[in-house]
Amino acid sequence: MLRAALMTLFALPPLAACGPIPVDQAERLCVERANQALRPRGEVALGVGSGGRAVGGLDVTISSDFLLGRDPAQVYDACVKARSGQFPTRALGDQPGWVG
């Protein structure tokens, strides 16, 4: 009995963190996912390290939504619904941060 109570005590906080979030917060988070569905993202870094050696880096992010050809607006709507349990209150095109 004590073991079950302790397991419940430790299991509930992480599960509570998985619950729905407010729709406005979900909308802000899901804009980035919609942006990633629109096109791949990349970053290039160039510089000079110690001893005058050239250094560089390349970072490319390609989402599975982009590879599958999903519509960013549908990705946004589904993401908001999944995170908040509600439909978006504002369209993707009206969201700050949307690059489409």
PDB file of N, CA and C in Angstrom:
ATOM      1  N   MET A   1       0.816  -1.187   0.000  1.00  0.00           N
ATOM      2  CA  MET A   1       0.000   0.000   0.000  1.00  0.00           C
ATOM      3  C   MET A   1       0.867   1.262   0.000  1.00  0.00           C
ATOM      4  N   LEU A   2       1.892   1.262   0.836  1.00  0.00           N
ATOM      5  CA  LEU A   2       2.792   2.401   0.911  1.00  0.00           C
ATOM      6  C   LEU A   2       3.543   2.580  -0.404  1.00  0.00           C
ATOM      7  N   ARG A   3       3.922   1.467  -0.977  1.00  0.00           N
ATOM      8  CA  ARG A   3       4.638   1.513  -2.249  1.00  0.00           C
ATOM      9  C   ARG A   3       3.766   2.145  -3.343  1.00  0.00           C
ATOM     10  N   ALA A   4       2.499   1.772  -3.400  1.00  0.00           N
ATOM     11  CA  ALA A   4       1.580   2.337  -4.390  1.00  0.00           C
ATOM     12  C   ALA A   4       1.376   3.820  -4.159  1.00  0.00           C
ATOM     13  N   ALA A   5       1.289   4.234  -2.897  1.00  0.00           N
ATOM     14  CA  ALA A   5       1.117   5.652  -2.582  1.00  0.00           C
ATOM     15  C   ALA A   5       2.347   6.450  -3.003  1.00  0.00           C
ATOM     16  N   LEU A   6       3.525   5.908  -2.752  1.00  0.00           N
ATOM     17  CA  LEU A   6       4.754   6.602  -3.147  1.00  0.00           C
ATOM     18  C   LEU A   6       4.882   6.700  -4.660  1.00  0.00           C
ATOM     19  N   MET A   7       4.512   5.637  -5.370  1.00  0.00           N
ATOM     20  CA  MET A   7       4.578   5.665  -6.828  1.00  0.00           C
ATOM     21  C   MET A   7       3.619   6.713  -7.380  1.00  0.00           C
ATOM     22  N   THR A   8       2.434   6.810  -6.795  1.00  0.00           N
ATOM     23  CA  THR A   8       1.458   7.811  -7.226  1.00  0.00           C
ATOM     24  C   THR A   8       1.988   9.210  -6.959  1.00  0.00           C
ATOM     25  N   LEU A   9       2.603   9.397  -5.804  1.00  0.00           N
ATOM     26  CA  LEU A   9       3.142  10.706  -5.427  1.00  0.00           C
ATOM     27  C   LEU A   9       4.202  11.174  -6.422  1.00  0.00           C
ATOM     28  N   PHE A  10       5.052  10.273  -6.886  1.00  0.00           N
ATOM     29  CA  PHE A  10       6.109  10.647  -7.818  1.00  0.00           C
ATOM     30  C   PHE A  10       5.658  10.655  -9.268  1.00  0.00           C
ATOM     31  N   ALA A  11       4.611   9.917  -9.602  1.00  0.00           N
ATOM     32  CA  ALA A  11       4.149   9.832 -10.989  1.00  0.00           C
ATOM     33  C   ALA A  11       3.232  10.978 -11.367  1.00  0.00           C
ATOM     34  N   LEU A  12       2.494  11.535 -10.444  1.00  0.00           N
ATOM     35  CA  LEU A  12       1.509  12.566 -10.784  1.00  0.00           C
ATOM     36  C   LEU A  12       2.107  13.884 -11.267  1.00  0.00           C
ATOM     37  N   PRO A  13       3.144  14.428 -10.636  1.00  0.00           N
ATOM     38  CA  PRO A  13       3.662  15.713 -11.141  1.00  0.00           C
ATOM     39  C   PRO A  13       4.116  15.675 -12.601  1.00  0.00           C
ATOM     40  N   PRO A  14       4.876  14.661 -13.047  1.00  0.00           N
ATOM     41  CA  PRO A  14       5.227  14.636 -14.472  1.00  0.00           C
ATOM     42  C   PRO A  14       4.009  14.489 -15.375  1.00  0.00           C
ATOM     43  N   LEU A  15       3.025  13.714 -14.955  1.00  0.00           N
ATOM     44  CA  LEU A  15       1.830  13.553 -15.769  1.00  0.00           C
ATOM     45  C   LEU A  15       1.022  14.841 -15.820  1.00  0.00           C
ATOM     46  N   ALA A  16       1.011  15.592 -14.740  1.00  0.00           N
ATOM     47  CA  ALA A  16       0.292  16.865 -14.725  1.00  0.00           C
ATOM     48  C   ALA A  16       0.920  17.844 -15.704  1.00  0.00           C
ATOM     49  N   ALA A  17       2.229  17.749 -15.898  1.00  0.00           N
ATOM     50  CA  ALA A  17       2.917  18.638 -16.839  1.00  0.00           C
ATOM     51  C   ALA A  17       2.526  18.337 -18.286  1.00  0.00           C
ATOM     52  N   CYS A  18       1.956  17.175 -18.531  1.00  0.00           N
ATOM     53  CA  CYS A  18       1.553  16.801 -19.882  1.00  0.00           C
ATOM     54  C   CYS A  18       0.148  17.271 -20.222  1.00  0.00           C
ATOM     55  N   GLY A  19      -0.529  17.877 -19.279  1.00  0.00           N
ATOM     56  CA  GLY A  19      -1.908  18.301 -19.493  1.00  0.00           C
ATOM     57  C   GLY A  19      -2.006  19.464 -20.457  1.00  0.00           C
ATOM     58  N   PRO A  20      -3.222  19.867 -20.774  1.00  0.00           N
ATOM     59  CA  PRO A  20      -3.431  20.968 -21.709  1.00  0.00           C
ATOM     60  C   PRO A  20      -2.849  22.283 -21.178  1.00  0.00           C
ATOM     61  N   ILE A  21      -2.413  23.122 -22.097  1.00  0.00           N
ATOM     62  CA  ILE A  21      -1.923  24.448 -21.757  1.00  0.00           C
ATOM     63  C   ILE A  21      -2.911  25.470 -22.312  1.00  0.00           C
ATOM     64  N   PRO A  22      -2.874  26.699 -21.836  1.00  0.00           N
ATOM     65  CA  PRO A  22      -3.788  27.719 -22.366  1.00  0.00           C
ATOM     66  C   PRO A  22      -3.629  27.884 -23.877  1.00  0.00           C
ATOM     67  N   VAL A  23      -4.737  28.150 -24.559  1.00  0.00           N
ATOM     68  CA  VAL A  23      -4.735  28.209 -26.025  1.00  0.00           C
ATOM     69  C   VAL A  23      -3.798  29.297 -26.551  1.00  0.00           C
ATOM     70  N   ASP A  24      -3.687  30.446 -25.880  1.00  0.00           N
ATOM     71  CA  ASP A  24      -2.787  31.495 -26.363  1.00  0.00           C
ATOM     72  C   ASP A  24      -1.329  31.069 -26.272  1.00  0.00           C
ATOM     73  N   GLN A  25      -0.991  30.307 -25.251  1.00  0.00           N
ATOM     74  CA  GLN A  25       0.371  29.788 -25.125  1.00  0.00           C
ATOM     75  C   GLN A  25       0.636  28.739 -26.208  1.00  0.00           C
ATOM     76  N   ALA A  26      -0.328  27.880 -26.456  1.00  0.00           N
ATOM     77  CA  ALA A  26      -0.184  26.864 -27.503  1.00  0.00           C
ATOM     78  C   ALA A  26      -0.014  27.523 -28.864  1.00  0.00           C
ATOM     79  N   GLU A  27      -0.761  28.593 -29.124  1.00  0.00           N
ATOM     80  CA  GLU A  27      -0.640  29.298 -30.411  1.00  0.00           C
ATOM     81  C   GLU A  27       0.775  29.834 -30.600  1.00  0.00           C
ATOM     82  N   ARG A  28       1.346  30.427 -29.559  1.00  0.00           N
ATOM     83  CA  ARG A  28       2.717  30.962 -29.660  1.00  0.00           C
ATOM     84  C   ARG A  28       3.728  29.857 -29.941  1.00  0.00           C
ATOM     85  N   LEU A  29       3.560  28.714 -29.267  1.00  0.00           N
ATOM     86  CA  LEU A  29       4.496  27.604 -29.465  1.00  0.00           C
ATOM     87  C   LEU A  29       4.354  26.962 -30.846  1.00  0.00           C
ATOM     88  N   CYS A  30       3.137  26.912 -31.346  1.00  0.00           N
ATOM     89  CA  CYS A  30       2.871  26.194 -32.591  1.00  0.00           C
ATOM     90  C   CYS A  30       3.215  26.995 -33.840  1.00  0.00           C
ATOM     91  N   VAL A  31       3.410  28.301 -33.708  1.00  0.00           N
ATOM     92  CA  VAL A  31       3.821  29.111 -34.862  1.00  0.00           C
ATOM     93  C   VAL A  31       5.168  28.619 -35.383  1.00  0.00           C
ATOM     94  N   GLU A  32       6.077  28.294 -34.488  1.00  0.00           N
ATOM     95  CA  GLU A  32       7.395  27.821 -34.923  1.00  0.00           C
ATOM     96  C   GLU A  32       7.283  26.493 -35.653  1.00  0.00           C
ATOM     97  N   ARG A  33       6.427  25.617 -35.186  1.00  0.00           N
ATOM     98  CA  ARG A  33       6.246  24.334 -35.879  1.00  0.00           C
ATOM     99  C   ARG A  33       5.692  24.564 -37.280  1.00  0.00           C
ATOM    100  N   ALA A  34       4.767  25.517 -37.430  1.00  0.00           N
ATOM    101  CA  ALA A  34       4.229  25.843 -38.753  1.00  0.00           C
ATOM    102  C   ALA A  34       5.318  26.437 -39.643  1.00  0.00           C
ATOM    103  N   ASN A  35       6.178  27.283 -39.072  1.00  0.00           N
ATOM    104  CA  ASN A  35       7.292  27.844 -39.841  1.00  0.00           C
ATOM    105  C   ASN A  35       8.218  26.739 -40.340  1.00  0.00           C
ATOM    106  N   GLN A  36       8.462  25.747 -39.513  1.00  0.00           N
ATOM    107  CA  GLN A  36       9.327  24.637 -39.917  1.00  0.00           C
ATOM    108  C   GLN A  36       8.675  23.787 -40.999  1.00  0.00           C
ATOM    109  N   ALA A  37       7.352  23.744 -41.034  1.00  0.00           N
ATOM    110  CA  ALA A  37       6.651  22.986 -42.078  1.00  0.00           C
ATOM    111  C   ALA A  37       6.706  23.715 -43.420  1.00  0.00           C
ATOM    112  N   LEU A  38       6.939  25.025 -43.371  1.00  0.00           N
ATOM    113  CA  LEU A  38       6.959  25.835 -44.586  1.00  0.00           C
ATOM    114  C   LEU A  38       8.229  25.615 -45.405  1.00  0.00           C
ATOM    115  N   ARG A  39       9.360  25.603 -44.731  1.00  0.00           N
ATOM    116  CA  ARG A  39      10.645  25.427 -45.423  1.00  0.00           C
ATOM    117  C   ARG A  39      11.714  25.017 -44.425  1.00  0.00           C
ATOM    118  N   PRO A  40      12.786  24.397 -44.904  1.00  0.00           N
ATOM    119  CA  PRO A  40      13.894  24.054 -44.003  1.00  0.00           C
ATOM    120  C   PRO A  40      14.544  25.315 -43.454  1.00  0.00           C
ATOM    121  N   ARG A  41      15.166  25.177 -42.305  1.00  0.00           N
ATOM    122  CA  ARG A  41      15.884  26.281 -41.671  1.00  0.00           C
ATOM    123  C   ARG A  41      17.353  25.928 -41.616  1.00  0.00           C
ATOM    124  N   GLY A  42      18.201  26.944 -41.714  1.00  0.00           N
ATOM    125  CA  GLY A  42      19.630  26.693 -41.645  1.00  0.00           C
ATOM    126  C   GLY A  42      20.371  27.841 -41.018  1.00  0.00           C
ATOM    127  N   GLU A  43      21.572  27.535 -40.593  1.00  0.00           N
ATOM    128  CA  GLU A  43      22.436  28.523 -39.977  1.00  0.00           C
ATOM    129  C   GLU A  43      23.870  28.198 -40.350  1.00  0.00           C
ATOM    130  N   VAL A  44      24.613  29.205 -40.736  1.00  0.00           N
ATOM    131  CA  VAL A  44      26.021  29.042 -41.083  1.00  0.00           C
ATOM    132  C   VAL A  44      26.830  29.920 -40.154  1.00  0.00           C
ATOM    133  N   ALA A  45      27.907  29.370 -39.604  1.00  0.00           N
ATOM    134  CA  ALA A  45      28.788  30.134 -38.722  1.00  0.00           C
ATOM    135  C   ALA A  45      30.206  30.054 -39.259  1.00  0.00           C
ATOM    136  N   LEU A  46      30.832  31.201 -39.388  1.00  0.00           N
ATOM    137  CA  LEU A  46      32.222  31.277 -39.834  1.00  0.00           C
ATOM    138  C   LEU A  46      32.992  32.163 -38.868  1.00  0.00           C
ATOM    139  N   GLY A  47      34.246  31.837 -38.660  1.00  0.00           N
ATOM    140  CA  GLY A  47      35.060  32.649 -37.765  1.00  0.00           C
ATOM    141  C   GLY A  47      36.511  32.246 -37.845  1.00  0.00           C
ATOM    142  N   VAL A  48      37.283  32.908 -37.017  1.00  0.00           N
ATOM    143  CA  VAL A  48      38.711  32.630 -36.933  1.00  0.00           C
ATOM    144  C   VAL A  48      39.000  32.229 -35.500  1.00  0.00           C
ATOM    145  N   GLY A  49      39.586  31.061 -35.342  1.00  0.00           N
ATOM    146  CA  GLY A  49      39.903  30.555 -34.014  1.00  0.00           C
ATOM    147  C   GLY A  49      41.300  30.973 -33.595  1.00  0.00           C
ATOM    148  N   SER A  50      41.725  30.454 -32.465  1.00  0.00           N
ATOM    149  CA  SER A  50      43.064  30.761 -31.970  1.00  0.00           C
ATOM    150  C   SER A  50      44.104  30.252 -32.964  1.00  0.00           C
ATOM    151  N   GLY A  51      45.162  30.974 -33.116  1.00  0.00           N
ATOM    152  CA  GLY A  51      46.199  30.593 -34.068  1.00  0.00           C
ATOM    153  C   GLY A  51      45.840  30.944 -35.503  1.00  0.00           C
ATOM    154  N   GLY A  52      44.806  31.699 -35.712  1.00  0.00           N
ATOM    155  CA  GLY A  52      44.425  32.131 -37.047  1.00  0.00           C
ATOM    156  C   GLY A  52      43.752  31.070 -37.894  1.00  0.00           C
ATOM    157  N   ARG A  53      43.335  29.978 -37.294  1.00  0.00           N
ATOM    158  CA  ARG A  53      42.679  28.912 -38.049  1.00  0.00           C
ATOM    159  C   ARG A  53      41.216  29.264 -38.289  1.00  0.00           C
ATOM    160  N   ALA A  54      40.780  29.025 -39.503  1.00  0.00           N
ATOM    161  CA  ALA A  54      39.381  29.262 -39.848  1.00  0.00           C
ATOM    162  C   ALA A  54      38.519  28.143 -39.244  1.00  0.00           C
ATOM    163  N   VAL A  55      37.397  28.548 -38.680  1.00  0.00           N
ATOM    164  CA  VAL A  55      36.457  27.580 -38.121  1.00  0.00           C
ATOM    165  C   VAL A  55      35.074  27.885 -38.679  1.00  0.00           C
ATOM    166  N   GLY A  56      34.262  26.878 -38.732  1.00  0.00           N
ATOM    167  CA  GLY A  56      32.915  27.096 -39.248  1.00  0.00           C
ATOM    168  C   GLY A  56      31.974  26.000 -38.813  1.00  0.00           C
ATOM    169  N   GLY A  57      30.731  26.244 -39.065  1.00  0.00           N
ATOM    170  CA  GLY A  57      29.719  25.261 -38.708  1.00  0.00           C
ATOM    171  C   GLY A  57      28.487  25.445 -39.574  1.00  0.00           C
ATOM    172  N   LEU A  58      27.729  24.402 -39.692  1.00  0.00           N
ATOM    173  CA  LEU A  58      26.503  24.423 -40.473  1.00  0.00           C
ATOM    174  C   LEU A  58      25.441  23.649 -39.705  1.00  0.00           C
ATOM    175  N   ASP A  59      24.270  24.244 -39.574  1.00  0.00           N
ATOM    176  CA  ASP A  59      23.157  23.605 -38.888  1.00  0.00           C
ATOM    177  C   ASP A  59      21.929  23.717 -39.778  1.00  0.00           C
ATOM    178  N   VAL A  60      21.343  22.592 -40.146  1.00  0.00           N
ATOM    179  CA  VAL A  60      20.148  22.572 -40.994  1.00  0.00           C
ATOM    180  C   VAL A  60      19.063  21.785 -40.267  1.00  0.00           C
ATOM    181  N   THR A  61      17.864  22.366 -40.218  1.00  0.00           N
ATOM    182  CA  THR A  61      16.717  21.713 -39.604  1.00  0.00           C
ATOM    183  C   THR A  61      15.648  21.507 -40.663  1.00  0.00           C
ATOM    184  N   ILE A  62      15.272  20.264 -40.862  1.00  0.00           N
ATOM    185  CA  ILE A  62      14.205  19.923 -41.808  1.00  0.00           C
ATOM    186  C   ILE A  62      13.173  19.118 -41.030  1.00  0.00           C
ATOM    187  N   SER A  63      11.960  19.648 -40.947  1.00  0.00           N
ATOM    188  CA  SER A  63      10.928  18.957 -40.165  1.00  0.00           C
ATOM    189  C   SER A  63      10.270  17.851 -40.984  1.00  0.00           C
ATOM    190  N   SER A  64       9.718  16.896 -40.281  1.00  0.00           N
ATOM    191  CA  SER A  64       8.990  15.821 -40.955  1.00  0.00           C
ATOM    192  C   SER A  64       7.735  16.377 -41.636  1.00  0.00           C
ATOM    193  N   ASP A  65       7.158  17.438 -41.084  1.00  0.00           N
ATOM    194  CA  ASP A  65       5.995  18.061 -41.715  1.00  0.00           C
ATOM    195  C   ASP A  65       6.361  18.611 -43.093  1.00  0.00           C
ATOM    196  N   PHE A  66       7.542  19.209 -43.211  1.00  0.00           N
ATOM    197  CA  PHE A  66       8.007  19.717 -44.497  1.00  0.00           C
ATOM    198  C   PHE A  66       8.237  18.563 -45.471  1.00  0.00           C
ATOM    199  N   LEU A  67       8.904  17.512 -45.008  1.00  0.00           N
ATOM    200  CA  LEU A  67       9.195  16.369 -45.878  1.00  0.00           C
ATOM    201  C   LEU A  67       7.920  15.694 -46.378  1.00  0.00           C
ATOM    202  N   LEU A  68       6.883  15.689 -45.557  1.00  0.00           N
ATOM    203  CA  LEU A  68       5.618  15.070 -45.943  1.00  0.00           C
ATOM    204  C   LEU A  68       4.711  16.020 -46.718  1.00  0.00           C
ATOM    205  N   GLY A  69       5.151  17.270 -46.905  1.00  0.00           N
ATOM    206  CA  GLY A  69       4.380  18.228 -47.689  1.00  0.00           C
ATOM    207  C   GLY A  69       3.113  18.720 -47.006  1.00  0.00           C
ATOM    208  N   ARG A  70       3.107  18.737 -45.674  1.00  0.00           N
ATOM    209  CA  ARG A  70       1.913  19.180 -44.943  1.00  0.00           C
ATOM    210  C   ARG A  70       1.741  20.690 -45.031  1.00  0.00           C
ATOM    211  N   ASP A  71       0.501  21.109 -45.093  1.00  0.00           N
ATOM    212  CA  ASP A  71       0.154  22.526 -45.124  1.00  0.00           C
ATOM    213  C   ASP A  71       0.469  23.137 -43.755  1.00  0.00           C
ATOM    214  N   PRO A  72       1.271  24.220 -43.700  1.00  0.00           N
ATOM    215  CA  PRO A  72       1.620  24.835 -42.414  1.00  0.00           C
ATOM    216  C   PRO A  72       0.402  25.252 -41.591  1.00  0.00           C
ATOM    217  N   ALA A  73      -0.671  25.713 -42.228  1.00  0.00           N
ATOM    218  CA  ALA A  73      -1.868  26.116 -41.486  1.00  0.00           C
ATOM    219  C   ALA A  73      -2.515  24.912 -40.808  1.00  0.00           C
ATOM    220  N   GLN A  74      -2.517  23.767 -41.484  1.00  0.00           N
ATOM    221  CA  GLN A  74      -3.071  22.556 -40.873  1.00  0.00           C
ATOM    222  C   GLN A  74      -2.168  22.046 -39.752  1.00  0.00           C
ATOM    223  N   VAL A  75      -0.851  22.170 -39.939  1.00  0.00           N
ATOM    224  CA  VAL A  75       0.097  21.786 -38.892  1.00  0.00           C
ATOM    225  C   VAL A  75      -0.135  22.647 -37.655  1.00  0.00           C
ATOM    226  N   TYR A  76      -0.310  23.941 -37.857  1.00  0.00           N
ATOM    227  CA  TYR A  76      -0.559  24.886 -36.765  1.00  0.00           C
ATOM    228  C   TYR A  76      -1.856  24.534 -36.039  1.00  0.00           C
ATOM    229  N   ASP A  77      -2.944  24.341 -36.784  1.00  0.00           N
ATOM    230  CA  ASP A  77      -4.235  24.023 -36.174  1.00  0.00           C
ATOM    231  C   ASP A  77      -4.161  22.734 -35.350  1.00  0.00           C
ATOM    232  N   ALA A  78      -3.548  21.697 -35.912  1.00  0.00           N
ATOM    233  CA  ALA A  78      -3.445  20.410 -35.221  1.00  0.00           C
ATOM    234  C   ALA A  78      -2.567  20.521 -33.973  1.00  0.00           C
ATOM    235  N   CYS A  79      -1.505  21.290 -34.064  1.00  0.00           N
ATOM    236  CA  CYS A  79      -0.597  21.480 -32.932  1.00  0.00           C
ATOM    237  C   CYS A  79      -1.318  22.187 -31.786  1.00  0.00           C
ATOM    238  N   VAL A  80      -2.037  23.275 -32.089  1.00  0.00           N
ATOM    239  CA  VAL A  80      -2.766  24.014 -31.053  1.00  0.00           C
ATOM    240  C   VAL A  80      -3.815  23.112 -30.412  1.00  0.00           C
ATOM    241  N   LYS A  81      -4.530  22.358 -31.216  1.00  0.00           N
ATOM    242  CA  LYS A  81      -5.571  21.452 -30.701  1.00  0.00           C
ATOM    243  C   LYS A  81      -4.950  20.384 -29.796  1.00  0.00           C
ATOM    244  N   ALA A  82      -3.813  19.845 -30.202  1.00  0.00           N
ATOM    245  CA  ALA A  82      -3.162  18.797 -29.411  1.00  0.00           C
ATOM    246  C   ALA A  82      -2.632  19.342 -28.084  1.00  0.00           C
ATOM    247  N   ARG A  83      -2.100  20.544 -28.094  1.00  0.00           N
ATOM    248  CA  ARG A  83      -1.499  21.098 -26.880  1.00  0.00           C
ATOM    249  C   ARG A  83      -2.512  21.691 -25.919  1.00  0.00           C
ATOM    250  N   SER A  84      -3.572  22.299 -26.443  1.00  0.00           N
ATOM    251  CA  SER A  84      -4.514  23.012 -25.573  1.00  0.00           C
ATOM    252  C   SER A  84      -5.862  22.300 -25.431  1.00  0.00           C
ATOM    253  N   GLY A  85      -6.173  21.417 -26.373  1.00  0.00           N
ATOM    254  CA  GLY A  85      -7.483  20.792 -26.367  1.00  0.00           C
ATOM    255  C   GLY A  85      -8.559  21.682 -26.985  1.00  0.00           C
ATOM    256  N   GLN A  86      -8.147  22.825 -27.537  1.00  0.00           N
ATOM    257  CA  GLN A  86      -9.072  23.777 -28.150  1.00  0.00           C
ATOM    258  C   GLN A  86      -8.568  24.139 -29.545  1.00  0.00           C
ATOM    259  N   PHE A  87      -9.474  24.665 -30.347  1.00  0.00           N
ATOM    260  CA  PHE A  87      -9.072  25.158 -31.659  1.00  0.00           C
ATOM    261  C   PHE A  87      -8.445  26.539 -31.503  1.00  0.00           C
ATOM    262  N   PRO A  88      -7.560  26.935 -32.425  1.00  0.00           N
ATOM    263  CA  PRO A  88      -6.929  28.254 -32.325  1.00  0.00           C
ATOM    264  C   PRO A  88      -7.971  29.378 -32.330  1.00  0.00           C
ATOM    265  N   THR A  89      -7.658  30.448 -31.614  1.00  0.00           N
ATOM    266  CA  THR A  89      -8.532  31.624 -31.596  1.00  0.00           C
ATOM    267  C   THR A  89      -8.134  32.619 -32.675  1.00  0.00           C
ATOM    268  N   ARG A  90      -6.888  32.491 -33.173  1.00  0.00           N
ATOM    269  CA  ARG A  90      -6.399  33.369 -34.245  1.00  0.00           C
ATOM    270  C   ARG A  90      -5.791  32.512 -35.343  1.00  0.00           C
ATOM    271  N   ALA A  91      -6.005  32.945 -36.562  1.00  0.00           N
ATOM    272  CA  ALA A  91      -5.452  32.225 -37.716  1.00  0.00           C
ATOM    273  C   ALA A  91      -3.928  32.336 -37.725  1.00  0.00           C
ATOM    274  N   LEU A  92      -3.295  31.403 -38.377  1.00  0.00           N
ATOM    275  CA  LEU A  92      -1.841  31.396 -38.462  1.00  0.00           C
ATOM    276  C   LEU A  92      -1.314  32.695 -39.045  1.00  0.00           C
ATOM    277  N   GLY A  93      -1.934  33.212 -40.097  1.00  0.00           N
ATOM    278  CA  GLY A  93      -1.474  34.440 -40.734  1.00  0.00           C
ATOM    279  C   GLY A  93      -1.552  35.668 -39.848  1.00  0.00           C
ATOM    280  N   ASP A  94      -2.329  35.602 -38.766  1.00  0.00           N
ATOM    281  CA  ASP A  94      -2.458  36.712 -37.830  1.00  0.00           C
ATOM    282  C   ASP A  94      -1.509  36.621 -36.652  1.00  0.00           C
ATOM    283  N   GLN A  95      -0.705  35.564 -36.620  1.00  0.00           N
ATOM    284  CA  GLN A  95       0.188  35.337 -35.485  1.00  0.00           C
ATOM    285  C   GLN A  95       1.526  36.054 -35.663  1.00  0.00           C
ATOM    286  N   PRO A  96       2.031  36.701 -34.620  1.00  0.00           N
ATOM    287  CA  PRO A  96       3.380  37.264 -34.684  1.00  0.00           C
ATOM    288  C   PRO A  96       4.379  36.115 -34.836  1.00  0.00           C
ATOM    289  N   GLY A  97       5.380  36.300 -35.622  1.00  0.00           N
ATOM    290  CA  GLY A  97       6.402  35.274 -35.826  1.00  0.00           C
ATOM    291  C   GLY A  97       6.166  34.406 -37.041  1.00  0.00           C
ATOM    292  N   TRP A  98       4.990  34.487 -37.662  1.00  0.00           N
ATOM    293  CA  TRP A  98       4.716  33.695 -38.867  1.00  0.00           C
ATOM    294  C   TRP A  98       5.462  34.329 -40.036  1.00  0.00           C
ATOM    295  N   VAL A  99       6.251  33.517 -40.732  1.00  0.00           N
ATOM    296  CA  VAL A  99       7.092  34.033 -41.823  1.00  0.00           C
ATOM    297  C   VAL A  99       6.511  33.760 -43.191  1.00  0.00           C
ATOM    298  N   GLY A 100       5.389  33.111 -43.263  1.00  0.00           N
ATOM    299  CA  GLY A 100       4.802  32.738 -44.547  1.00  0.00           C
ATOM    300  C   GLY A 100       4.302  33.898 -45.281  1.00  0.00           C
TER     301      GLY A 100
END
